């Protein structure tokens, strides 16, 4: 390797090279020093290359580029990294007859089957994405405010939080698990309840035909649930899913005839912030992971219980409603209603633990599946 190969092209470097060449054969010590230096240059170059920060990757959320005719979607552009940044972006569609722009801020509508290119540009980067439109048109969900639904009676019931794009699961990690649960519920005749937002396009679940589509921004509700088992899917484990649990549990505890409550949490169908724990923070939009991942990071069942389930239950009972939303929660506080009830936890291969002792004839059972 010569000095020219590492980018020294100034007049001084050329003169130096000529001088060194003329002295090369006459100066044996100089030859030895240069030979030793040449051995160090690759390592120095590698170190220098490592010190230059890589260009952040431009990402587009959600990672969902196969659309149905009539489907709308809202794309968000961010640079990946430990501190994600979401700059203003310009969107350009190659063929607006296939996908048209609804709003320059990143909202698009699939028009007719075909393929077209989406160009995403920021001041410092750009990315090309192929959008495909296929299948049959799907009509939007017809949803009602949660105040319009007073009671749901069923043997088993499936709740799906953020069934359209009003959650933070931009890369849809929980979508396969949720879609599978919806199929199973419909096969078994269980009512399916979607919580949706009227302010967002309706992408997320594969199925657009729930028994109930209820408008609720954070899974808050005042529905009286009469069911032997309630299955919770979709939403953030420590926030919106937790709020749904609070509201559902509160309503069931107030029913005088209820003596056993069974809540089920399929871990493959609930998302959680990628970094989560006491005092930890993660900027929006955080890449989500499945609840199964949170459990997998614990060494044994005892750690899963202490580090994942106990904080969840502590927040359910003591922070009612979570984040003080909604501002008009039902009375009395949940921790007053739950007094005297026995709370049992079950997951894994027969792991059981008593979270709260109480009357064995008044039991709340929480089952965590797929842990």
Protein backbone atom coordinates (compact mmCIF):
# COMPACT_ATOMS: atom_id res chain seq x y z
CA UNK A 1 0.00 0.00 0.00
CA UNK A 2 1.34 3.46 -0.94
CA UNK A 3 0.47 6.89 0.29
CA UNK A 4 -1.39 7.54 -2.98
CA UNK A 5 -3.72 4.62 -2.11
CA UNK A 6 -4.79 6.28 1.13
CA UNK A 7 -5.68 9.57 -0.54
CA UNK A 8 -2.60 11.87 -0.18
CA UNK A 9 -2.62 13.86 -3.42
CA UNK A 10 -1.26 17.27 -2.35
CA UNK A 11 1.93 18.72 -3.89
CA UNK A 12 3.73 18.08 -0.65
CA UNK A 13 2.80 14.41 -0.66
CA UNK A 14 3.92 13.99 -4.30
CA UNK A 15 7.27 15.58 -3.52
CA UNK A 16 7.63 13.37 -0.49
CA UNK A 17 6.93 10.26 -2.54
CA UNK A 18 9.54 11.23 -5.16
CA UNK A 19 12.11 11.92 -2.46
CA UNK A 20 11.40 8.62 -0.78
CA UNK A 21 11.63 6.75 -4.06
CA UNK A 22 15.04 8.21 -4.84
CA UNK A 23 16.33 7.28 -1.41
CA UNK A 24 14.63 3.87 -1.26
CA UNK A 25 17.56 1.75 -2.32
CA UNK A 26 20.14 3.94 -0.63
CA UNK A 27 18.58 3.95 2.80
CA UNK A 28 17.97 0.48 4.24
CA UNK A 29 16.72 1.73 7.70
CA UNK A 30 14.14 3.89 5.93
CA UNK A 31 12.92 0.82 4.00
CA UNK A 32 12.44 -1.05 7.26
CA UNK A 33 10.49 1.80 8.88
CA UNK A 34 8.23 2.20 5.86
CA UNK A 35 7.60 -1.53 5.71
CA UNK A 36 6.59 -1.53 9.37
CA UNK A 37 4.36 1.49 8.82
CA UNK A 38 2.66 -0.16 5.87
CA UNK A 39 1.64 -3.03 8.15
CA UNK A 40 -0.10 -0.57 10.48
CA UNK A 41 -2.01 1.31 7.78
CA UNK A 42 -4.83 -1.27 7.26
CA UNK A 43 -5.56 -1.29 11.00
CA UNK A 44 -5.53 2.52 11.11
CA UNK A 45 -7.90 2.71 8.14
CA UNK A 46 -10.30 0.19 9.72
CA UNK A 47 -10.27 2.15 12.99
CA UNK A 48 -10.96 5.39 11.12
CA UNK A 49 -13.83 3.79 9.22
CA UNK A 50 -15.36 2.51 12.43
CA UNK A 51 -15.21 5.97 13.98
CA UNK A 52 -17.41 7.43 11.21
CA UNK A 53 -21.07 7.00 12.25
CA UNK A 54 -23.12 5.08 9.69
CA UNK A 55 -25.91 6.83 7.84
CA UNK A 56 -29.21 6.04 9.61
CA UNK A 57 -31.54 3.81 7.64
CA UNK A 58 -34.73 5.43 6.36
CA UNK A 59 -37.73 3.39 7.48
CA UNK A 60 -41.37 3.62 6.50
CA UNK A 61 -44.09 2.55 8.95
CA UNK A 62 -46.24 0.52 8.84
CA UNK A 63 -44.34 -2.21 7.04
CA UNK A 64 -47.45 -2.97 4.99
CA UNK A 65 -47.24 -2.50 1.24
CA UNK A 66 -49.88 -4.90 -0.14
CA UNK A 67 -53.22 -3.09 -0.19
CA UNK A 68 -56.82 -3.88 -1.11
CA UNK A 69 -58.75 -1.59 -3.47
CA UNK A 70 -60.37 1.13 -1.40
CA UNK A 71 -57.98 0.66 1.55
CA UNK A 72 -56.38 3.74 3.04
CA UNK A 73 -53.06 3.81 4.83
CA UNK A 74 -50.99 6.42 6.63
CA UNK A 75 -47.21 6.10 6.20
CA UNK A 76 -44.76 7.59 8.69
CA UNK A 77 -41.08 8.10 7.78
CA UNK A 78 -38.33 7.81 10.38
CA UNK A 79 -34.61 7.27 10.64
CA UNK A 80 -33.76 4.13 12.61
CA UNK A 81 -31.42 4.19 15.56
CA UNK A 82 -31.34 4.45 19.34
CA UNK A 83 -32.90 7.90 18.96
CA UNK A 84 -35.35 7.59 16.03
CA UNK A 85 -36.07 10.82 14.20
CA UNK A 86 -39.15 11.41 12.09
CA UNK A 87 -38.45 14.29 9.71
CA UNK A 88 -40.87 15.86 7.27
CA UNK A 89 -40.95 13.78 4.11
CA UNK A 90 -42.12 14.26 0.55
CA UNK A 91 -44.08 11.45 -1.10
CA UNK A 92 -44.30 10.88 -4.86
CA UNK A 93 -46.47 8.17 -6.47
CA UNK A 94 -45.49 6.95 -9.93
CA UNK A 95 -48.99 5.89 -11.00
CA UNK A 96 -51.84 7.65 -9.23
CA UNK A 97 -54.37 5.48 -11.09
CA UNK A 98 -53.28 2.55 -8.89
CA UNK A 99 -52.59 4.37 -5.61
CA UNK A 100 -53.60 7.98 -5.08
CA UNK A 101 -52.40 10.46 -2.49
CA UNK A 102 -55.14 11.57 -0.11
CA UNK A 103 -52.97 13.86 2.00
CA UNK A 104 -49.35 15.05 1.36
CA UNK A 105 -48.58 14.10 4.96
CA UNK A 106 -48.52 10.45 3.92
CA UNK A 107 -52.09 9.20 3.58
CA UNK A 108 -52.82 7.10 0.50
CA UNK A 109 -55.73 5.15 -0.94
CA UNK A 110 -55.49 2.03 -3.08
CA UNK A 111 -57.58 2.55 -6.22
CA UNK A 112 -57.28 -0.41 -8.58
CA UNK A 113 -55.20 -3.65 -8.84
CA UNK A 114 -51.65 -3.19 -10.05
CA UNK A 115 -48.19 -2.14 -8.90
CA UNK A 116 -46.69 1.30 -8.54
CA UNK A 117 -43.65 2.88 -6.94
CA UNK A 118 -43.68 5.19 -3.95
CA UNK A 119 -40.73 7.58 -3.65
CA UNK A 120 -40.06 8.84 -0.13
CA UNK A 121 -37.70 11.80 0.15
CA UNK A 122 -36.21 13.70 3.08
CA UNK A 123 -33.64 16.51 2.92
CA UNK A 124 -30.83 13.98 3.41
CA UNK A 125 -32.12 10.64 2.15
CA UNK A 126 -34.60 8.85 -0.03
CA UNK A 127 -36.16 5.43 -0.45
CA UNK A 128 -38.20 3.69 -3.14
CA UNK A 129 -40.98 1.29 -2.15
CA UNK A 130 -43.09 -0.90 -4.41
CA UNK A 131 -46.78 -0.79 -3.55
CA UNK A 132 -49.07 -3.55 -4.77
CA UNK A 133 -52.86 -3.44 -4.93
CA UNK A 134 -54.67 -6.77 -5.19
CA UNK A 135 -57.78 -8.62 -4.10
CA UNK A 136 -61.29 -7.34 -3.70
CA UNK A 137 -62.39 -4.05 -2.22
CA UNK A 138 -63.16 -4.06 1.49
CA UNK A 139 -65.65 -1.61 2.91
CA UNK A 140 -64.70 0.46 5.99
CA UNK A 141 -65.81 -0.71 9.39
CA UNK A 142 -69.06 0.81 10.63
CA UNK A 143 -68.26 1.72 14.22
CA UNK A 144 -70.27 3.21 17.09
CA UNK A 145 -69.12 5.13 20.19
CA UNK A 146 -68.42 2.96 23.22
CA UNK A 147 -71.21 4.75 25.07
CA UNK A 148 -73.70 3.19 22.63
CA UNK A 149 -72.89 -0.40 23.71
CA UNK A 150 -74.15 -1.16 27.21
CA UNK A 151 -73.79 -4.94 27.54
CA UNK A 152 -72.19 -7.92 25.82
CA UNK A 153 -73.27 -11.42 26.88
CA UNK A 154 -71.32 -14.48 25.69
CA UNK A 155 -69.69 -17.67 26.90
CA UNK A 156 -66.33 -16.53 25.53
CA UNK A 157 -65.45 -13.12 24.16
CA UNK A 158 -62.48 -11.77 22.17
CA UNK A 159 -61.40 -8.15 22.53
CA UNK A 160 -59.08 -6.76 19.82
CA UNK A 161 -57.59 -3.41 20.72
CA UNK A 162 -56.44 -0.96 18.03
CA UNK A 163 -57.96 -3.01 15.23
CA UNK A 164 -57.14 -0.17 12.86
CA UNK A 165 -54.14 2.13 12.67
CA UNK A 166 -54.58 3.97 15.94
CA UNK A 167 -51.97 2.06 17.89
CA UNK A 168 -48.19 2.17 17.91
CA UNK A 169 -47.53 -1.25 16.39
CA UNK A 170 -46.27 0.32 13.14
CA UNK A 171 -44.49 -2.80 11.93
CA UNK A 172 -47.44 -5.04 12.82
CA UNK A 173 -45.57 -7.59 14.94
CA UNK A 174 -48.81 -8.66 16.64
CA UNK A 175 -50.92 -8.80 13.47
CA UNK A 176 -50.39 -12.53 12.66
CA UNK A 177 -51.32 -13.55 16.20
CA UNK A 178 -54.37 -11.30 16.22
CA UNK A 179 -55.55 -12.49 12.81
CA UNK A 180 -55.24 -16.11 13.95
CA UNK A 181 -57.24 -15.42 17.10
CA UNK A 182 -60.02 -13.74 15.12
CA UNK A 183 -60.26 -16.74 12.82
CA UNK A 184 -60.39 -19.11 15.81
CA UNK A 185 -63.04 -16.99 17.54
CA UNK A 186 -65.29 -16.92 14.48
CA UNK A 187 -64.86 -20.65 13.98
CA UNK A 188 -65.93 -21.27 17.58
CA UNK A 189 -68.77 -18.77 17.50
CA UNK A 190 -67.25 -16.32 20.00
CA UNK A 191 -68.24 -12.67 19.61
CA UNK A 192 -65.38 -10.51 18.33
CA UNK A 193 -65.11 -6.91 19.54
CA UNK A 194 -62.85 -4.43 17.74
CA UNK A 195 -61.80 -1.16 19.34
CA UNK A 196 -61.13 1.29 16.51
CA UNK A 197 -60.59 4.99 15.92
CA UNK A 198 -62.60 7.05 13.47
CA UNK A 199 -59.63 9.35 12.97
CA UNK A 200 -57.35 6.85 11.24
CA UNK A 201 -57.40 4.73 8.08
CA UNK A 202 -58.74 1.27 8.71
CA UNK A 203 -55.67 -0.88 8.13
CA UNK A 204 -54.49 -3.50 10.61
CA UNK A 205 -56.56 -6.66 10.97
CA UNK A 206 -57.09 -8.96 8.00
CA UNK A 207 -60.73 -9.42 9.02
CA UNK A 208 -62.94 -6.33 8.74
CA UNK A 209 -66.20 -7.86 9.97
CA UNK A 210 -66.32 -8.01 13.79
CA UNK A 211 -69.50 -8.51 15.75
CA UNK A 212 -68.88 -5.11 17.34
CA UNK A 213 -66.74 -2.20 16.09
CA UNK A 214 -66.51 0.29 18.92
CA UNK A 215 -64.88 3.72 18.76
CA UNK A 216 -62.43 3.98 21.66
CA UNK A 217 -59.11 5.79 21.39
CA UNK A 218 -57.49 4.00 24.34
CA UNK A 219 -59.69 0.91 24.88
CA UNK A 220 -61.68 2.74 27.54
CA UNK A 221 -65.30 1.62 27.77
CA UNK A 222 -68.31 1.29 30.09
CA UNK A 223 -69.63 -2.00 28.72
CA UNK A 224 -71.10 -4.53 31.10
CA UNK A 225 -69.42 -7.80 30.12
CA UNK A 226 -71.14 -11.07 31.06
CA UNK A 227 -68.79 -13.86 29.93
CA UNK A 228 -67.12 -16.95 31.36
CA UNK A 229 -63.81 -16.15 29.63
CA UNK A 230 -62.57 -12.87 28.17
CA UNK A 231 -59.60 -12.91 25.78
CA UNK A 232 -57.55 -9.73 25.37
CA UNK A 233 -55.53 -9.12 22.20
CA UNK A 234 -54.03 -6.07 20.51
CA UNK A 235 -52.76 -2.92 22.13
CA UNK A 236 -49.83 -2.11 24.38
CA UNK A 237 -49.47 -4.46 27.35
CA UNK A 238 -48.83 -1.76 29.95
CA UNK A 239 -51.18 0.90 28.59
CA UNK A 240 -54.22 0.37 26.33
CA UNK A 241 -54.60 -3.38 26.86
CA UNK A 242 -54.20 -2.75 30.57
CA UNK A 243 -56.90 -0.04 30.46
CA UNK A 244 -59.32 -2.47 28.80
CA UNK A 245 -58.60 -4.98 31.56
CA UNK A 246 -59.31 -2.31 34.17
CA UNK A 247 -62.63 -1.30 32.61
CA UNK A 248 -63.80 -4.85 32.00
CA UNK A 249 -62.78 -6.04 35.46
CA UNK A 250 -64.43 -3.07 37.14
CA UNK A 251 -67.74 -3.75 35.43
CA UNK A 252 -67.66 -7.47 36.21
CA UNK A 253 -66.80 -6.97 39.88
CA UNK A 254 -69.82 -4.74 40.32
CA UNK A 255 -72.14 -7.58 39.26
CA UNK A 256 -73.41 -9.23 42.45
CA UNK A 257 -73.83 -12.66 40.85
CA UNK A 258 -70.24 -13.01 39.60
CA UNK A 259 -68.01 -15.36 41.57
CA UNK A 260 -65.36 -16.37 39.01
CA UNK A 261 -63.63 -14.17 36.42
CA UNK A 262 -61.30 -15.69 33.81
CA UNK A 263 -59.10 -13.38 31.73
CA UNK A 264 -56.81 -14.77 29.00
CA UNK A 265 -53.77 -13.01 27.52
CA UNK A 266 -52.34 -14.61 24.33
CA UNK A 267 -48.76 -13.33 24.43
CA UNK A 268 -48.31 -13.68 20.66
CA UNK A 269 -51.13 -11.19 20.04
CA UNK A 270 -50.16 -8.35 22.41
CA UNK A 271 -47.34 -5.90 21.76
CA UNK A 272 -45.03 -4.08 24.12
CA UNK A 273 -42.40 -1.38 23.80
CA UNK A 274 -39.04 -2.79 22.70
CA UNK A 275 -37.35 -1.46 25.84
CA UNK A 276 -39.57 -1.69 28.89
CA UNK A 277 -38.93 -1.68 32.57
CA UNK A 278 -38.87 0.57 35.64
CA UNK A 279 -37.60 4.00 34.67
CA UNK A 280 -36.82 3.04 31.07
CA UNK A 281 -37.88 5.35 28.27
CA UNK A 282 -38.05 4.85 24.53
CA UNK A 283 -38.83 7.60 22.03
CA UNK A 284 -41.80 7.49 19.66
CA UNK A 285 -42.20 5.62 17.46
CA UNK A 286 -40.75 2.75 19.42
CA UNK A 287 -40.34 -0.52 17.55
CA UNK A 288 -42.72 -2.91 19.22
CA UNK A 289 -42.08 -6.54 20.12
CA UNK A 290 -44.44 -9.28 21.17
CA UNK A 291 -45.24 -9.98 24.78
CA UNK A 292 -43.67 -13.40 24.14
CA UNK A 293 -40.34 -11.61 23.67
CA UNK A 294 -40.70 -9.89 27.02
CA UNK A 295 -41.23 -13.25 28.71
CA UNK A 296 -38.37 -14.87 26.76
CA UNK A 297 -35.90 -12.32 28.17
CA UNK A 298 -36.49 -13.73 31.66
CA UNK A 299 -34.45 -16.70 32.84
CA UNK A 300 -37.23 -18.64 34.55
CA UNK A 301 -40.90 -18.62 35.56
CA UNK A 302 -40.20 -16.80 38.82
CA UNK A 303 -38.59 -13.90 36.95
CA UNK A 304 -41.43 -13.84 34.43
CA UNK A 305 -43.88 -13.53 37.27
CA UNK A 306 -41.93 -10.96 39.31
CA UNK A 307 -40.70 -8.78 36.46
CA UNK A 308 -43.55 -8.93 33.92
CA UNK A 309 -46.82 -9.96 35.56
CA UNK A 310 -46.54 -8.29 38.97
CA UNK A 311 -45.84 -4.79 37.54
CA UNK A 312 -48.78 -5.28 35.17
CA UNK A 313 -51.16 -6.24 37.98
CA UNK A 314 -49.88 -3.55 40.31
CA UNK A 315 -50.72 -0.97 37.67
CA UNK A 316 -54.09 -2.55 36.90
CA UNK A 317 -55.24 -2.30 40.50
CA UNK A 318 -53.45 0.75 41.87
CA UNK A 319 -53.45 3.10 38.85
CA UNK A 320 -57.11 3.19 37.94
CA UNK A 321 -57.54 4.40 35.29
CA UNK A 322 -54.05 4.15 33.82
CA UNK A 323 -52.62 7.57 32.87
CA UNK A 324 -55.82 9.07 34.35
CA UNK A 325 -57.71 8.36 31.15
CA UNK A 326 -60.65 8.53 30.72
CA UNK A 327 -61.17 11.54 32.99
CA UNK A 328 -64.55 10.21 34.15
CA UNK A 329 -63.82 6.64 35.28
CA UNK A 330 -66.56 4.60 36.94
CA UNK A 331 -66.69 4.58 40.73
CA UNK A 332 -65.55 3.26 43.16
CA UNK A 333 -61.78 2.82 42.63
CA UNK A 334 -60.81 -0.62 41.40
CA UNK A 335 -58.63 -1.38 44.41
CA UNK A 336 -61.72 -1.01 46.61
CA UNK A 337 -63.82 -3.37 44.48
CA UNK A 338 -61.14 -6.07 44.34
CA UNK A 339 -60.69 -6.31 48.11
CA UNK A 340 -61.55 -9.76 49.40
CA UNK A 341 -61.11 -11.39 45.98
CA UNK A 342 -58.49 -14.06 45.36
CA UNK A 343 -56.29 -13.30 42.34
CA UNK A 344 -54.57 -16.28 40.70
CA UNK A 345 -51.92 -16.29 37.94
CA UNK A 346 -51.37 -19.22 35.58
CA UNK A 347 -48.92 -19.63 32.70
CA UNK A 348 -46.36 -21.96 31.17
CA UNK A 349 -46.35 -25.64 32.08
CA UNK A 350 -48.63 -25.44 35.08
CA UNK A 351 -46.99 -22.46 36.82
CA UNK A 352 -49.46 -20.95 39.29
CA UNK A 353 -49.05 -18.20 41.84
CA UNK A 354 -51.40 -16.37 44.20
CA UNK A 355 -51.04 -12.64 43.59
CA UNK A 356 -53.64 -11.70 46.20
CA UNK A 357 -55.23 -13.88 48.84
CA UNK A 358 -58.93 -13.77 49.50
CA UNK A 359 -62.19 -15.67 49.43
CA UNK A 360 -61.64 -18.88 47.38
CA UNK A 361 -65.26 -18.59 46.21
CA UNK A 362 -64.52 -15.21 44.63
CA UNK A 363 -61.62 -15.71 42.24
CA UNK A 364 -60.03 -13.74 39.40
CA UNK A 365 -57.87 -16.00 37.21
CA UNK A 366 -55.39 -14.49 34.75
CA UNK A 367 -54.03 -16.93 32.16
CA UNK A 368 -50.98 -15.97 30.10
CA UNK A 369 -50.66 -18.15 27.00
CA UNK A 370 -47.55 -18.64 24.90
CA UNK A 371 -45.12 -17.42 27.52
